[in-house]
Amino acid sequence: MVLRAGRLEIDVPRSLGYFGGIAAAVAVGLLEPPLGVFIAAVPFVKMLTTPGTPDPLRFLGLVTEGAAQPVGSSGQGTVRLADEVDE
């Protein structure tokens, strides 16, 4: 179940689980809101690393993706660009 908006693909069940889980963890106090925002931003930051992105943005995306490794940056994206090649 994937929704498409232009080049953007949203895996609905995974997105609901991912973002809903983060929201629930913030709501019950397991995560502080700034950390929840950082974790929620990981799929969007990963989009900066796609081929064709300008070098400064791609560099920023790679640095941030490296910082996000401990919070699951290596997992399959819930929100991604349609032209993205699976690794």
Protein backbone atom coordinates (compact mmCIF):
# COMPACT_ATOMS: atom_id res chain seq x y z
CA MET A 1 0.00 0.00 0.00
CA VAL A 2 2.02 2.89 -1.33
CA LEU A 3 0.75 6.38 -2.08
CA ARG A 4 2.52 8.43 -4.73
CA ALA A 5 2.65 12.21 -4.94
CA GLY A 6 4.89 13.11 -7.86
CA ARG A 7 8.25 11.47 -7.16
CA LEU A 8 7.39 10.95 -3.48
CA GLU A 9 6.33 7.47 -2.36
CA ILE A 10 4.76 6.92 1.05
CA ASP A 11 4.50 3.39 2.41
CA VAL A 12 1.30 3.94 4.41
CA PRO A 13 1.37 1.01 6.89
CA ARG A 14 5.07 1.45 7.68
CA SER A 15 4.71 5.22 7.93
CA LEU A 16 1.80 4.88 10.35
CA GLY A 17 3.81 2.47 12.47
CA TYR A 18 7.00 4.54 12.32
CA PHE A 19 5.55 7.99 12.95
CA GLY A 20 2.80 6.67 15.23
CA GLY A 21 5.36 4.84 17.34
CA ILE A 22 7.47 7.97 17.66
CA ALA A 23 4.40 10.03 18.60
CA ALA A 24 3.35 7.46 21.19
CA ALA A 25 6.86 7.34 22.69
CA VAL A 26 6.91 11.14 22.97
CA ALA A 27 3.36 11.20 24.40
CA VAL A 28 4.17 8.76 27.21
CA GLY A 29 7.53 10.37 27.94
CA LEU A 30 9.87 7.67 26.63
CA LEU A 31 11.41 10.19 24.20
CA GLU A 32 11.98 13.89 24.60
CA PRO A 33 10.30 15.92 21.82
CA PRO A 34 13.59 17.13 20.20
CA LEU A 35 14.82 13.54 19.89
CA GLY A 36 11.43 12.47 18.51
CA VAL A 37 11.65 15.17 15.84
CA PHE A 38 15.18 14.05 14.90
CA ILE A 39 14.09 10.42 14.61
CA ALA A 40 11.01 11.40 12.58
CA ALA A 41 13.21 13.43 10.21
CA VAL A 42 15.46 10.46 9.32
CA PRO A 43 13.43 9.33 6.24
CA PHE A 44 13.45 12.88 4.88
CA VAL A 45 17.17 13.34 5.53
CA LYS A 46 17.86 10.07 3.69
CA MET A 47 16.22 11.60 0.59
CA LEU A 48 19.05 14.15 0.49
CA THR A 49 21.53 11.37 -0.27
CA THR A 50 19.93 10.29 -3.55
CA PRO A 51 21.97 10.63 -6.74
CA GLY A 52 21.42 13.92 -8.52
CA THR A 53 21.14 15.94 -5.31
CA PRO A 54 23.51 18.94 -5.32
CA ASP A 55 26.83 18.10 -3.61
CA PRO A 56 26.44 20.41 -0.57
CA LEU A 57 22.97 18.98 0.21
CA ARG A 58 24.16 15.43 -0.40
CA PHE A 59 27.13 16.01 1.95
CA LEU A 60 24.76 17.34 4.62
CA GLY A 61 22.47 14.35 4.10
CA LEU A 62 25.34 11.85 4.41
CA VAL A 63 26.66 13.50 7.58
CA THR A 64 23.19 13.51 9.14
CA GLU A 65 22.53 9.94 8.00
CA GLY A 66 25.76 8.87 9.71
CA ALA A 67 24.60 10.56 12.90
CA ALA A 68 21.24 8.82 12.58
CA GLN A 69 22.69 5.27 12.33
CA PRO A 70 22.03 4.57 16.03
CA VAL A 71 18.32 5.42 15.59
CA GLY A 72 17.69 3.17 12.59
CA SER A 73 18.91 5.08 9.57
CA SER A 74 19.93 1.83 7.90
CA GLY A 75 16.34 0.53 7.81
CA GLN A 76 14.04 0.62 4.81
CA GLY A 77 12.57 4.06 4.26
CA THR A 78 8.91 4.70 4.94
CA VAL A 79 8.98 7.85 2.80
CA ARG A 80 11.25 7.86 -0.24
CA LEU A 81 11.71 9.18 -3.75
CA ALA A 82 10.30 6.95 -6.49
CA ASP A 83 13.52 6.96 -8.54
CA GLU A 84 15.59 5.78 -5.56
CA VAL A 85 17.58 2.61 -6.27
CA ASP A 86 17.38 -0.06 -3.55
CA GLU A 87 20.80 -0.94 -2.16
